[in-house]
């Protein structure tokens, strides 16, 4: 009768020829329920502690056990009330930030002036060196070298986003794009520009006149 078993050379379970470095069910059972396992050079399990929702595994280098790290994503700033005052700032934006989204929810200025969005570093808000163009409803265009500009007129309430992305980390150059609407006049607003700072961006400021409505916030990554 022909032999139907596995060849000892191929690692028959229970044979003396099994490779001690092989990963077996018995070795896998050495972990704790709910834990993630990795294996060392001998094939024995090394337990990785249980992570929490939103975490992922990252390597610490060759021969190291993977560890859990917090999942990446946007950080939300603290909303500011823009129903009064002449300027509103978002400070403590961390080093290494590469993208910021400014959110406008019914922001208004009593004077009907343009809304100014300025950025700065540890040395303060910068008020020059911007290349900016804002447009509303394809008709009114406003240029500025003092800020990223959002065109305005009397009674405007702005809703939308201004997105800033880091284009050149060595020159601290930021590129801005704007999309939104003006509620009372049922008009679209668009715009864009660029600005290079003297160091890493740490803050942003809204100004242009006396605020009388709305709220604003930022998210960044």
N, C-alpha and C. Protein backbone atom coordinates (compact mmCIF):
# COMPACT_ATOMS: atom_id res chain seq x y z
N UNK A 1 0.86 -1.18 0.00
CA UNK A 1 0.00 0.00 0.00
C UNK A 1 0.90 1.24 0.00
N UNK A 2 0.57 2.25 -0.84
CA UNK A 2 1.43 3.45 -0.89
C UNK A 2 1.33 4.27 0.39
N UNK A 3 2.42 4.93 0.75
CA UNK A 3 2.47 5.75 1.96
C UNK A 3 1.75 7.08 1.71
N UNK A 4 0.74 7.43 2.57
CA UNK A 4 -0.09 8.61 2.34
C UNK A 4 0.29 9.78 3.25
N UNK A 5 1.17 9.61 4.18
CA UNK A 5 1.53 10.67 5.12
C UNK A 5 2.48 11.67 4.52
N UNK A 6 2.75 12.75 5.33
CA UNK A 6 3.72 13.75 4.88
C UNK A 6 5.13 13.25 5.12
N UNK A 7 6.01 13.68 4.30
CA UNK A 7 7.42 13.32 4.46
C UNK A 7 7.97 14.00 5.71
N UNK A 8 8.76 13.28 6.50
CA UNK A 8 9.39 13.90 7.68
C UNK A 8 10.16 15.14 7.31
N UNK A 9 10.70 15.16 6.08
CA UNK A 9 11.49 16.31 5.67
C UNK A 9 10.63 17.56 5.54
N UNK A 10 9.28 17.35 5.41
CA UNK A 10 8.39 18.49 5.28
C UNK A 10 7.75 18.87 6.60
N UNK A 11 8.17 18.25 7.71
CA UNK A 11 7.72 18.69 9.02
C UNK A 11 6.46 17.99 9.49
N UNK A 12 6.41 16.65 9.51
CA UNK A 12 5.27 15.92 10.02
C UNK A 12 5.06 16.25 11.49
N UNK A 13 3.81 16.65 11.86
CA UNK A 13 3.51 17.01 13.24
C UNK A 13 3.83 15.85 14.15
N UNK A 14 4.56 16.10 15.21
CA UNK A 14 4.91 15.05 16.16
C UNK A 14 6.22 14.39 15.86
N UNK A 15 6.80 14.60 14.73
CA UNK A 15 8.08 13.97 14.39
C UNK A 15 9.22 14.75 15.01
N UNK A 16 10.32 14.07 15.16
CA UNK A 16 11.50 14.72 15.75
C UNK A 16 12.13 15.69 14.79
N UNK A 17 11.67 15.60 13.50
CA UNK A 17 12.30 16.43 12.49
C UNK A 17 11.64 17.81 12.35
N UNK A 18 10.58 18.09 13.14
CA UNK A 18 9.90 19.38 12.98
C UNK A 18 10.86 20.52 13.34
N UNK A 19 10.80 21.57 12.57
CA UNK A 19 11.66 22.73 12.79
C UNK A 19 11.20 23.47 14.04
N UNK A 20 12.05 23.64 15.02
CA UNK A 20 11.66 24.27 16.27
C UNK A 20 11.31 25.74 16.09
N UNK A 21 11.73 26.33 14.96
CA UNK A 21 11.42 27.73 14.72
C UNK A 21 10.07 27.94 14.06
N UNK A 22 9.36 26.85 13.73
CA UNK A 22 8.07 26.98 13.07
C UNK A 22 7.03 27.55 14.02
N UNK A 23 6.09 28.30 13.47
CA UNK A 23 4.99 28.82 14.27
C UNK A 23 3.91 27.75 14.33
N UNK A 24 3.55 27.32 15.53
CA UNK A 24 2.56 26.26 15.71
C UNK A 24 1.35 26.79 16.45
N UNK A 25 0.26 26.02 16.43
CA UNK A 25 -0.94 26.41 17.16
C UNK A 25 -0.66 26.53 18.65
N UNK A 26 0.20 25.63 19.15
CA UNK A 26 0.52 25.68 20.58
C UNK A 26 1.20 26.99 20.94
N UNK A 27 2.11 27.44 20.08
CA UNK A 27 2.79 28.70 20.34
C UNK A 27 1.83 29.88 20.22
N UNK A 28 0.93 29.80 19.23
CA UNK A 28 -0.03 30.88 19.06
C UNK A 28 -0.97 30.99 20.25
N UNK A 29 -1.22 29.88 20.92
CA UNK A 29 -2.11 29.87 22.08
C UNK A 29 -1.49 30.56 23.29
N UNK A 30 -0.22 30.96 23.18
CA UNK A 30 0.45 31.59 24.31
C UNK A 30 0.02 33.03 24.54
N UNK A 31 -0.81 33.59 23.65
CA UNK A 31 -1.23 34.97 23.82
C UNK A 31 -2.45 35.09 24.71
N UNK A 32 -2.89 36.30 24.94
CA UNK A 32 -4.07 36.59 25.74
C UNK A 32 -5.20 36.98 24.81
N UNK A 33 -6.40 36.50 25.08
CA UNK A 33 -7.54 36.79 24.22
C UNK A 33 -7.70 38.29 24.03
N UNK A 34 -7.80 38.70 22.77
CA UNK A 34 -7.98 40.11 22.47
C UNK A 34 -6.69 40.85 22.18
N UNK A 35 -5.55 40.19 22.46
CA UNK A 35 -4.26 40.82 22.18
C UNK A 35 -3.79 40.48 20.77
N UNK A 36 -2.98 41.36 20.22
CA UNK A 36 -2.37 41.12 18.94
C UNK A 36 -1.00 40.50 19.16
N UNK A 37 -0.64 39.52 18.33
CA UNK A 37 0.63 38.83 18.50
C UNK A 37 1.59 39.18 17.38
N UNK A 38 2.86 39.22 17.74
CA UNK A 38 3.92 39.20 16.75
C UNK A 38 4.86 38.07 17.17
N UNK A 39 5.86 37.73 16.39
CA UNK A 39 6.70 36.56 16.67
C UNK A 39 8.17 36.92 16.59
N UNK A 40 8.92 36.35 17.53
CA UNK A 40 10.35 36.61 17.55
C UNK A 40 11.08 35.64 16.63
N UNK A 41 12.41 35.70 16.63
CA UNK A 41 13.20 34.88 15.71
C UNK A 41 13.04 33.39 15.96
N UNK A 42 12.65 33.01 17.18
CA UNK A 42 12.45 31.59 17.50
C UNK A 42 11.04 31.11 17.20
N UNK A 43 10.20 32.00 16.71
CA UNK A 43 8.84 31.63 16.41
C UNK A 43 7.92 31.71 17.60
N UNK A 44 8.42 32.19 18.75
CA UNK A 44 7.59 32.32 19.94
C UNK A 44 6.84 33.65 19.90
N UNK A 45 5.62 33.65 20.46
CA UNK A 45 4.82 34.88 20.37
C UNK A 45 5.30 35.96 21.32
N UNK A 46 5.31 37.19 20.80
CA UNK A 46 5.51 38.38 21.63
C UNK A 46 4.18 39.13 21.60
N UNK A 47 3.60 39.38 22.77
CA UNK A 47 2.27 39.97 22.83
C UNK A 47 2.35 41.48 22.69
N UNK A 48 1.50 42.03 21.84
CA UNK A 48 1.36 43.47 21.71
C UNK A 48 0.11 43.86 22.47
N UNK A 49 0.20 44.83 23.35
CA UNK A 49 -0.94 45.20 24.20
C UNK A 49 -2.14 45.62 23.36
N UNK A 50 -3.31 45.43 23.92
CA UNK A 50 -4.54 45.77 23.23
C UNK A 50 -4.61 47.27 22.98
N UNK A 51 -4.96 47.64 21.75
CA UNK A 51 -5.13 49.05 21.43
C UNK A 51 -6.56 49.48 21.67
N UNK A 52 -6.83 50.77 21.45
CA UNK A 52 -8.18 51.29 21.56
C UNK A 52 -8.65 51.75 20.21
N UNK A 53 -9.94 51.99 20.09
CA UNK A 53 -10.52 52.39 18.81
C UNK A 53 -9.81 53.63 18.27
N UNK A 54 -9.44 53.58 16.98
CA UNK A 54 -8.77 54.72 16.35
C UNK A 54 -7.26 54.65 16.42
N UNK A 55 -6.68 53.59 17.00
CA UNK A 55 -5.24 53.41 17.04
C UNK A 55 -4.78 52.49 15.90
N UNK A 56 -3.53 52.57 15.59
CA UNK A 56 -2.96 51.68 14.59
C UNK A 56 -1.59 51.21 15.07
N UNK A 57 -1.07 50.15 14.45
CA UNK A 57 0.25 49.64 14.82
C UNK A 57 1.33 50.35 14.03
N UNK A 58 2.42 50.68 14.69
CA UNK A 58 3.56 51.22 13.98
C UNK A 58 4.81 50.49 14.41
N UNK A 59 5.79 50.44 13.51
CA UNK A 59 7.03 49.74 13.79
C UNK A 59 8.00 50.66 14.52
N UNK A 60 8.81 50.08 15.39
CA UNK A 60 9.85 50.84 16.05
C UNK A 60 11.23 50.48 15.50
N UNK A 61 11.24 49.84 14.34
CA UNK A 61 12.50 49.49 13.71
C UNK A 61 12.69 47.99 13.63
N UNK A 62 13.71 47.56 12.87
CA UNK A 62 13.97 46.15 12.66
C UNK A 62 14.20 45.44 13.98
N UNK A 63 13.50 44.32 14.16
CA UNK A 63 13.66 43.53 15.37
C UNK A 63 12.88 44.02 16.56
N UNK A 64 12.11 45.10 16.40
CA UNK A 64 11.33 45.65 17.50
C UNK A 64 9.88 45.23 17.39
N UNK A 65 9.24 45.14 18.54
CA UNK A 65 7.82 44.80 18.58
C UNK A 65 7.01 46.01 18.16
N UNK A 66 6.01 45.86 17.26
CA UNK A 66 5.17 46.99 16.90
C UNK A 66 4.44 47.54 18.12
N UNK A 67 4.14 48.83 18.08
CA UNK A 67 3.43 49.46 19.18
C UNK A 67 2.22 50.21 18.63
N UNK A 68 1.24 50.44 19.49
CA UNK A 68 0.07 51.19 19.09
C UNK A 68 0.38 52.68 19.15
N UNK A 69 -0.14 53.41 18.17
CA UNK A 69 -0.01 54.86 18.14
C UNK A 69 -1.36 55.46 17.79
N UNK A 70 -1.54 56.71 18.19
CA UNK A 70 -2.82 57.38 17.90
C UNK A 70 -2.97 57.57 16.40
N UNK A 71 -4.17 57.34 15.92
CA UNK A 71 -4.43 57.51 14.50
C UNK A 71 -4.30 58.97 14.11
N UNK A 72 -3.81 59.22 12.89
CA UNK A 72 -3.66 60.58 12.41
C UNK A 72 -5.01 61.19 12.07
N UNK A 73 -5.07 62.52 12.00
CA UNK A 73 -6.31 63.20 11.66
C UNK A 73 -6.24 64.65 12.05
N UNK A 74 -7.27 65.40 11.68
CA UNK A 74 -7.31 66.82 11.97
C UNK A 74 -7.52 67.07 13.47
N UNK A 75 -6.93 68.15 13.95
CA UNK A 75 -7.20 68.65 15.29
C UNK A 75 -8.11 69.86 15.16
N UNK A 76 -9.14 69.91 15.98
CA UNK A 76 -10.08 71.02 15.93
C UNK A 76 -9.69 72.08 16.95
N UNK A 77 -9.71 73.33 16.50
CA UNK A 77 -9.44 74.43 17.40
C UNK A 77 -10.65 74.78 18.25
N UNK A 78 -10.56 75.89 18.96
CA UNK A 78 -11.67 76.37 19.80
C UNK A 78 -12.45 77.43 19.04
N UNK A 79 -13.74 77.22 18.89
CA UNK A 79 -14.58 78.17 18.16
C UNK A 79 -14.53 79.54 18.82
N UNK A 80 -14.51 80.59 17.98
CA UNK A 80 -14.58 81.96 18.49
C UNK A 80 -15.88 82.59 18.04
N UNK A 81 -16.47 83.36 18.94
CA UNK A 81 -17.69 84.10 18.64
C UNK A 81 -17.31 85.40 17.95
N UNK A 82 -17.82 85.63 16.75
CA UNK A 82 -17.46 86.83 15.99
C UNK A 82 -18.60 87.85 15.94
N UNK A 83 -19.40 87.89 17.00
CA UNK A 83 -20.51 88.84 17.03
C UNK A 83 -20.10 90.20 17.59
N UNK A 84 -18.84 90.33 17.99
CA UNK A 84 -18.35 91.61 18.50
C UNK A 84 -16.83 91.63 18.38
N UNK A 85 -16.24 92.79 18.67
CA UNK A 85 -14.78 92.92 18.62
C UNK A 85 -14.29 93.35 17.26
N UNK A 86 -12.99 93.65 17.18
CA UNK A 86 -12.39 94.10 15.91
C UNK A 86 -11.38 93.11 15.35
N UNK A 87 -11.04 92.08 16.11
CA UNK A 87 -10.15 91.03 15.60
C UNK A 87 -10.35 89.77 16.43
N UNK A 88 -10.09 88.64 15.80
CA UNK A 88 -10.21 87.35 16.46
C UNK A 88 -9.04 86.48 16.01
N UNK A 89 -8.40 85.81 16.97
CA UNK A 89 -7.17 85.07 16.66
C UNK A 89 -7.28 83.61 17.03
N UNK A 90 -6.54 82.80 16.28
CA UNK A 90 -6.32 81.39 16.61
C UNK A 90 -4.82 81.25 16.84
N UNK A 91 -4.45 80.95 18.07
CA UNK A 91 -3.03 80.88 18.43
C UNK A 91 -2.65 79.44 18.79
N UNK A 92 -1.38 79.26 19.04
CA UNK A 92 -0.84 77.96 19.47
C UNK A 92 -1.04 76.87 18.42
N UNK A 93 -1.03 77.23 17.15
CA UNK A 93 -1.01 76.21 16.10
C UNK A 93 0.36 75.54 16.16
N UNK A 94 0.43 74.22 16.28
CA UNK A 94 1.71 73.56 16.58
C UNK A 94 2.68 73.53 15.42
N UNK A 95 3.96 73.46 15.76
CA UNK A 95 5.01 73.28 14.75
C UNK A 95 4.75 71.99 13.99
N UNK A 96 5.06 72.00 12.72
CA UNK A 96 4.85 70.81 11.90
C UNK A 96 3.51 70.78 11.19
N UNK A 97 2.63 71.75 11.48
CA UNK A 97 1.34 71.81 10.79
C UNK A 97 1.55 72.09 9.31
N UNK A 98 0.83 71.37 8.48
CA UNK A 98 0.99 71.52 7.04
C UNK A 98 -0.31 71.90 6.32
N UNK A 99 -1.42 71.88 7.05
CA UNK A 99 -2.70 72.24 6.43
C UNK A 99 -3.62 72.82 7.50
N UNK A 100 -4.28 73.93 7.17
CA UNK A 100 -5.22 74.58 8.07
C UNK A 100 -6.48 74.91 7.28
N UNK A 101 -7.63 74.62 7.85
CA UNK A 101 -8.90 75.00 7.23
C UNK A 101 -9.61 75.96 8.17
N UNK A 102 -9.82 77.19 7.69
CA UNK A 102 -10.58 78.20 8.43
C UNK A 102 -12.05 78.04 8.05
N UNK A 103 -12.92 77.96 9.06
CA UNK A 103 -14.35 77.77 8.84
C UNK A 103 -15.10 79.02 9.26
N UNK A 104 -15.92 79.54 8.36
CA UNK A 104 -16.72 80.74 8.61
C UNK A 104 -18.19 80.37 8.64
N UNK A 105 -18.87 80.73 9.73
CA UNK A 105 -20.29 80.40 9.88
C UNK A 105 -21.06 81.69 10.20
N UNK A 106 -21.54 82.37 9.15
CA UNK A 106 -22.32 83.59 9.33
C UNK A 106 -21.52 84.75 9.88
N UNK A 107 -20.23 84.82 9.56
CA UNK A 107 -19.38 85.91 10.05
C UNK A 107 -19.76 87.21 9.35
N UNK A 108 -19.91 88.29 10.11
CA UNK A 108 -20.28 89.58 9.54
C UNK A 108 -19.48 90.73 10.12
N UNK A 109 -19.32 91.79 9.30
CA UNK A 109 -18.67 93.02 9.73
C UNK A 109 -19.68 94.17 9.59
N UNK A 110 -19.78 94.99 10.61
CA UNK A 110 -20.77 96.07 10.61
C UNK A 110 -20.52 97.08 9.51
N UNK A 111 -19.26 97.28 9.14
CA UNK A 111 -18.92 98.33 8.18
C UNK A 111 -19.10 97.92 6.74
N UNK A 112 -19.30 96.63 6.48
CA UNK A 112 -19.38 96.17 5.10
C UNK A 112 -18.02 96.09 4.43
N UNK A 113 -16.95 96.14 5.21
CA UNK A 113 -15.59 96.06 4.66
C UNK A 113 -15.24 94.63 4.28
N UNK A 114 -14.11 94.48 3.62
CA UNK A 114 -13.61 93.15 3.31
C UNK A 114 -13.12 92.47 4.59
N UNK A 115 -13.24 91.16 4.62
CA UNK A 115 -12.70 90.38 5.74
C UNK A 115 -11.25 90.05 5.44
N UNK A 116 -10.38 90.30 6.39
CA UNK A 116 -8.95 90.05 6.23
C UNK A 116 -8.54 88.82 7.04
N UNK A 117 -7.81 87.91 6.40
CA UNK A 117 -7.27 86.73 7.06
C UNK A 117 -5.76 86.84 6.99
N UNK A 118 -5.11 86.94 8.15
CA UNK A 118 -3.67 87.08 8.21
C UNK A 118 -3.05 85.94 9.01
N UNK A 119 -1.84 85.57 8.67
CA UNK A 119 -1.13 84.50 9.36
C UNK A 119 0.16 85.04 9.95
N UNK A 120 0.72 84.29 10.90
CA UNK A 120 1.95 84.74 11.53
C UNK A 120 2.71 83.61 12.19
N UNK A 121 3.89 83.95 12.67
CA UNK A 121 4.76 82.99 13.36
C UNK A 121 4.98 83.49 14.79
N UNK A 122 6.02 82.99 15.43
CA UNK A 122 6.29 83.39 16.81
C UNK A 122 6.61 84.87 16.94
N UNK A 123 6.97 85.50 15.83
CA UNK A 123 7.26 86.94 15.86
C UNK A 123 6.03 87.81 15.75
N UNK A 124 4.86 87.21 15.52
CA UNK A 124 3.62 87.98 15.43
C UNK A 124 2.92 87.81 14.09
N UNK A 125 1.75 88.41 13.98
CA UNK A 125 0.97 88.39 12.74
C UNK A 125 1.67 89.26 11.70
N UNK A 126 1.77 88.77 10.46
CA UNK A 126 2.43 89.53 9.40
C UNK A 126 1.39 90.25 8.54
N UNK A 127 1.64 91.52 8.25
CA UNK A 127 0.67 92.39 7.60
C UNK A 127 1.11 92.85 6.21
N UNK A 128 2.10 92.22 5.64
CA UNK A 128 2.55 92.58 4.29
C UNK A 128 3.10 91.34 3.59
N UNK A 129 3.33 91.47 2.29
CA UNK A 129 3.92 90.38 1.54
C UNK A 129 2.94 89.33 1.04
N UNK A 130 1.65 89.61 1.13
CA UNK A 130 0.64 88.68 0.63
C UNK A 130 0.41 88.92 -0.86
N UNK A 131 0.08 87.87 -1.57
CA UNK A 131 -0.44 87.97 -2.93
C UNK A 131 -1.83 87.34 -2.87
N UNK A 132 -2.86 88.17 -2.96
CA UNK A 132 -4.22 87.69 -2.70
C UNK A 132 -5.22 88.32 -3.65
N UNK A 133 -6.17 87.50 -4.07
CA UNK A 133 -7.29 87.99 -4.89
C UNK A 133 -8.56 87.29 -4.43
N UNK A 134 -9.60 88.08 -4.12
CA UNK A 134 -10.91 87.55 -3.77
C UNK A 134 -11.94 88.04 -4.75
N UNK A 135 -12.92 87.21 -5.04
CA UNK A 135 -13.95 87.56 -6.03
C UNK A 135 -15.31 87.12 -5.54
N UNK A 136 -16.34 87.94 -5.79
CA UNK A 136 -17.70 87.57 -5.42
C UNK A 136 -18.60 87.62 -6.64
N UNK A 137 -19.28 86.51 -6.87
CA UNK A 137 -20.25 86.37 -7.94
C UNK A 137 -19.69 86.71 -9.32
N UNK A 138 -18.38 86.52 -9.49
CA UNK A 138 -17.75 86.74 -10.79
C UNK A 138 -17.66 88.18 -11.22
N UNK A 139 -17.99 89.11 -10.33
CA UNK A 139 -18.02 90.53 -10.70
C UNK A 139 -17.01 91.33 -9.89
N UNK A 140 -17.20 91.38 -8.58
CA UNK A 140 -16.37 92.20 -7.71
C UNK A 140 -15.08 91.47 -7.37
N UNK A 141 -13.97 92.08 -7.68
CA UNK A 141 -12.66 91.50 -7.40
C UNK A 141 -11.87 92.45 -6.50
N UNK A 142 -11.26 91.89 -5.46
CA UNK A 142 -10.47 92.69 -4.53
C UNK A 142 -9.09 92.06 -4.36
N UNK A 143 -8.05 92.85 -4.62
CA UNK A 143 -6.68 92.38 -4.42
C UNK A 143 -6.14 92.95 -3.12
N UNK A 144 -5.16 92.23 -2.54
CA UNK A 144 -4.55 92.72 -1.31
C UNK A 144 -3.13 92.19 -1.17
N UNK A 145 -2.27 93.04 -0.64
CA UNK A 145 -0.92 92.61 -0.25
C UNK A 145 -0.77 92.58 1.26
N UNK A 146 -1.87 92.94 1.98
CA UNK A 146 -1.83 93.02 3.44
C UNK A 146 -2.47 91.81 4.11
N UNK A 147 -3.19 90.98 3.34
CA UNK A 147 -3.88 89.83 3.92
C UNK A 147 -4.42 88.95 2.81
N UNK A 148 -4.90 87.77 3.19
CA UNK A 148 -5.76 87.00 2.31
C UNK A 148 -7.14 87.66 2.39
N UNK A 149 -7.67 88.06 1.24
CA UNK A 149 -8.82 88.96 1.21
C UNK A 149 -10.12 88.22 0.88
N UNK A 150 -11.20 88.55 1.63
CA UNK A 150 -12.54 88.04 1.33
C UNK A 150 -13.43 89.25 1.08
N UNK A 151 -13.86 89.48 -0.18
CA UNK A 151 -14.63 90.69 -0.52
C UNK A 151 -15.91 90.80 0.28
N UNK A 152 -16.25 92.04 0.69
CA UNK A 152 -17.45 92.26 1.48
C UNK A 152 -18.20 93.50 1.06
N UNK A 153 -19.45 93.57 1.50
CA UNK A 153 -20.27 94.76 1.35
C UNK A 153 -21.25 94.80 2.52
N UNK A 154 -22.00 95.87 2.65
CA UNK A 154 -22.87 96.07 3.81
C UNK A 154 -23.85 94.92 3.99
N UNK A 155 -23.92 94.40 5.21
CA UNK A 155 -24.87 93.34 5.54
C UNK A 155 -24.41 91.94 5.20
N UNK A 156 -23.19 91.77 4.73
CA UNK A 156 -22.71 90.44 4.35
C UNK A 156 -22.61 89.50 5.55
N UNK A 157 -22.97 88.25 5.32
CA UNK A 157 -22.72 87.16 6.27
C UNK A 157 -22.00 86.08 5.48
N UNK A 158 -20.75 85.82 5.84
CA UNK A 158 -19.93 84.86 5.09
C UNK A 158 -20.06 83.45 5.65
N UNK A 159 -20.21 82.50 4.76
CA UNK A 159 -20.18 81.07 5.09
C UNK A 159 -19.21 80.40 4.13
N UNK A 160 -18.30 79.58 4.66
CA UNK A 160 -17.40 78.86 3.77
C UNK A 160 -16.10 78.47 4.44
N UNK A 161 -15.13 78.11 3.58
CA UNK A 161 -13.83 77.63 4.04
C UNK A 161 -12.71 78.37 3.33
N UNK A 162 -11.67 78.67 4.08
CA UNK A 162 -10.39 79.07 3.48
C UNK A 162 -9.39 78.00 3.89
N UNK A 163 -8.80 77.36 2.90
CA UNK A 163 -7.84 76.28 3.14
C UNK A 163 -6.43 76.78 2.86
N UNK A 164 -5.53 76.59 3.82
CA UNK A 164 -4.13 76.97 3.65
C UNK A 164 -3.27 75.71 3.73
N UNK A 165 -2.37 75.57 2.78
CA UNK A 165 -1.46 74.43 2.76
C UNK A 165 -0.02 74.91 2.65
N UNK A 166 0.88 74.19 3.33
CA UNK A 166 2.30 74.54 3.31
C UNK A 166 2.92 74.03 2.01
N UNK A 167 3.38 74.96 1.18
CA UNK A 167 3.94 74.60 -0.13
C UNK A 167 5.45 74.41 -0.08
N UNK A 168 6.14 75.22 0.71
CA UNK A 168 7.61 75.16 0.80
C UNK A 168 7.98 75.27 2.28
N UNK A 169 8.38 74.15 2.88
CA UNK A 169 8.69 74.13 4.31
C UNK A 169 9.93 74.97 4.64
N UNK A 170 10.88 75.04 3.71
CA UNK A 170 12.11 75.80 3.96
C UNK A 170 11.87 77.30 3.93
N UNK A 171 10.96 77.75 3.05
CA UNK A 171 10.66 79.18 2.93
C UNK A 171 9.40 79.56 3.68
N UNK A 172 8.76 78.58 4.35
CA UNK A 172 7.54 78.82 5.11
C UNK A 172 6.45 79.47 4.25
N UNK A 173 6.32 78.95 3.02
CA UNK A 173 5.36 79.50 2.06
C UNK A 173 4.03 78.76 2.14
N UNK A 174 2.96 79.52 2.32
CA UNK A 174 1.61 78.98 2.42
C UNK A 174 0.77 79.43 1.24
N UNK A 175 -0.05 78.50 0.73
CA UNK A 175 -0.96 78.79 -0.37
C UNK A 175 -2.39 78.70 0.16
N UNK A 176 -3.21 79.69 -0.19
CA UNK A 176 -4.59 79.76 0.30
C UNK A 176 -5.58 79.61 -0.85
N UNK A 177 -6.71 78.97 -0.55
CA UNK A 177 -7.83 78.93 -1.49
C UNK A 177 -9.12 79.14 -0.71
N UNK A 178 -10.08 79.85 -1.31
CA UNK A 178 -11.31 80.23 -0.65
C UNK A 178 -12.52 79.80 -1.47
N UNK A 179 -13.49 79.18 -0.82
CA UNK A 179 -14.79 78.90 -1.43
C UNK A 179 -15.87 79.16 -0.39
N UNK A 180 -16.96 79.80 -0.81
CA UNK A 180 -18.03 80.06 0.13
C UNK A 180 -19.17 80.82 -0.52
N UNK A 181 -20.07 81.29 0.33
CA UNK A 181 -21.23 82.05 -0.13
C UNK A 181 -21.46 83.23 0.78
N UNK A 182 -22.17 84.24 0.24
CA UNK A 182 -22.63 85.37 1.03
C UNK A 182 -24.14 85.22 1.16
N UNK A 183 -24.61 85.07 2.39
CA UNK A 183 -26.01 84.71 2.61
C UNK A 183 -26.99 85.76 2.11
N UNK A 184 -26.79 87.02 2.53
CA UNK A 184 -27.82 88.02 2.25
C UNK A 184 -27.94 88.36 0.77
N UNK A 185 -26.83 88.28 0.03
CA UNK A 185 -26.85 88.64 -1.40
C UNK A 185 -26.89 87.43 -2.32
N UNK A 186 -26.93 86.23 -1.74
CA UNK A 186 -26.97 84.99 -2.52
C UNK A 186 -25.88 84.96 -3.58
N UNK A 187 -24.66 85.26 -3.15
CA UNK A 187 -23.53 85.30 -4.06
C UNK A 187 -22.46 84.29 -3.64
N UNK A 188 -21.72 83.81 -4.63
CA UNK A 188 -20.58 82.95 -4.35
C UNK A 188 -19.35 83.81 -4.10
N UNK A 189 -18.44 83.30 -3.27
CA UNK A 189 -17.14 83.95 -3.09
C UNK A 189 -16.04 82.91 -3.33
N UNK A 190 -15.04 83.32 -4.07
CA UNK A 190 -13.88 82.48 -4.32
C UNK A 190 -12.63 83.34 -4.18
N UNK A 191 -11.49 82.70 -4.03
CA UNK A 191 -10.26 83.46 -3.95
C UNK A 191 -9.06 82.58 -3.70
N UNK A 192 -7.92 83.22 -3.60
CA UNK A 192 -6.69 82.47 -3.35
C UNK A 192 -5.52 83.40 -3.20
N UNK A 193 -4.36 82.81 -2.91
CA UNK A 193 -3.16 83.62 -2.77
C UNK A 193 -2.02 82.83 -2.18
N UNK A 194 -0.95 83.54 -1.85
CA UNK A 194 0.20 82.90 -1.20
C UNK A 194 0.89 83.91 -0.30
N UNK A 195 1.59 83.37 0.69
CA UNK A 195 2.32 84.20 1.65
C UNK A 195 3.46 83.40 2.25
N UNK A 196 4.67 83.96 2.26
CA UNK A 196 5.83 83.34 2.91
C UNK A 196 6.08 84.04 4.24
N UNK A 197 6.26 83.23 5.30
CA UNK A 197 6.55 83.76 6.62
C UNK A 197 8.05 83.72 6.88
N UNK A 198 8.46 84.24 8.03
CA UNK A 198 9.88 84.20 8.38
C UNK A 198 10.22 83.00 9.26
N UNK A 199 9.19 82.27 9.72
CA UNK A 199 9.37 81.07 10.54
C UNK A 199 8.10 80.22 10.43
N UNK A 200 8.04 79.14 11.22
CA UNK A 200 6.87 78.27 11.15
C UNK A 200 5.60 78.98 11.60
N UNK A 201 4.52 78.72 10.89
CA UNK A 201 3.23 79.32 11.22
C UNK A 201 2.76 78.84 12.60
N UNK A 202 2.31 79.79 13.44
CA UNK A 202 1.79 79.43 14.76
C UNK A 202 0.44 80.08 15.06
N UNK A 203 0.00 81.03 14.21
CA UNK A 203 -1.22 81.76 14.53
C UNK A 203 -1.90 82.31 13.28
N UNK A 204 -3.18 82.63 13.44
CA UNK A 204 -4.00 83.19 12.37
C UNK A 204 -4.93 84.22 12.98
N UNK A 205 -5.25 85.27 12.21
CA UNK A 205 -6.09 86.34 12.74
C UNK A 205 -7.12 86.79 11.71
N UNK A 206 -8.35 87.07 12.18
CA UNK A 206 -9.41 87.66 11.37
C UNK A 206 -9.59 89.11 11.79
N UNK A 207 -9.70 90.01 10.81
CA UNK A 207 -9.91 91.43 11.11
C UNK A 207 -10.57 92.09 9.90
N UNK A 208 -10.70 93.42 9.95
CA UNK A 208 -11.28 94.16 8.84
C UNK A 208 -12.26 95.23 9.27
N UNK A 209 -12.71 95.19 10.51
CA UNK A 209 -13.67 96.17 11.01
C UNK A 209 -14.25 95.68 12.31
N UNK A 210 -15.46 96.15 12.61
CA UNK A 210 -16.15 95.71 13.82
C UNK A 210 -17.05 94.53 13.49
N UNK A 211 -16.80 93.41 14.15
CA UNK A 211 -17.59 92.20 13.89
C UNK A 211 -18.97 92.33 14.55
N UNK A 212 -19.98 91.76 13.87
CA UNK A 212 -21.33 91.85 14.43
C UNK A 212 -22.15 90.58 14.28
N UNK A 213 -21.54 89.47 13.82
CA UNK A 213 -22.34 88.25 13.67
C UNK A 213 -21.42 87.04 13.47
N UNK A 214 -21.96 85.88 13.84
CA UNK A 214 -21.35 84.62 13.44
C UNK A 214 -20.32 84.02 14.38
N UNK A 215 -19.64 83.02 13.83
CA UNK A 215 -18.60 82.28 14.56
C UNK A 215 -17.59 81.75 13.56
N UNK A 216 -16.40 81.43 14.05
CA UNK A 216 -15.34 80.89 13.20
C UNK A 216 -14.54 79.87 13.98
N UNK A 217 -13.91 78.95 13.26
CA UNK A 217 -13.05 77.97 13.88
C UNK A 217 -12.02 77.50 12.87
N UNK A 218 -11.05 76.72 13.33
CA UNK A 218 -10.04 76.14 12.46
C UNK A 218 -9.91 74.65 12.78
N UNK A 219 -9.53 73.88 11.77
CA UNK A 219 -9.03 72.52 11.96
C UNK A 219 -7.67 72.48 11.27
N UNK A 220 -6.76 71.66 11.80
CA UNK A 220 -5.42 71.62 11.21
C UNK A 220 -4.82 70.24 11.37
N UNK A 221 -3.82 69.99 10.53
CA UNK A 221 -3.13 68.70 10.57
C UNK A 221 -1.67 68.90 10.21
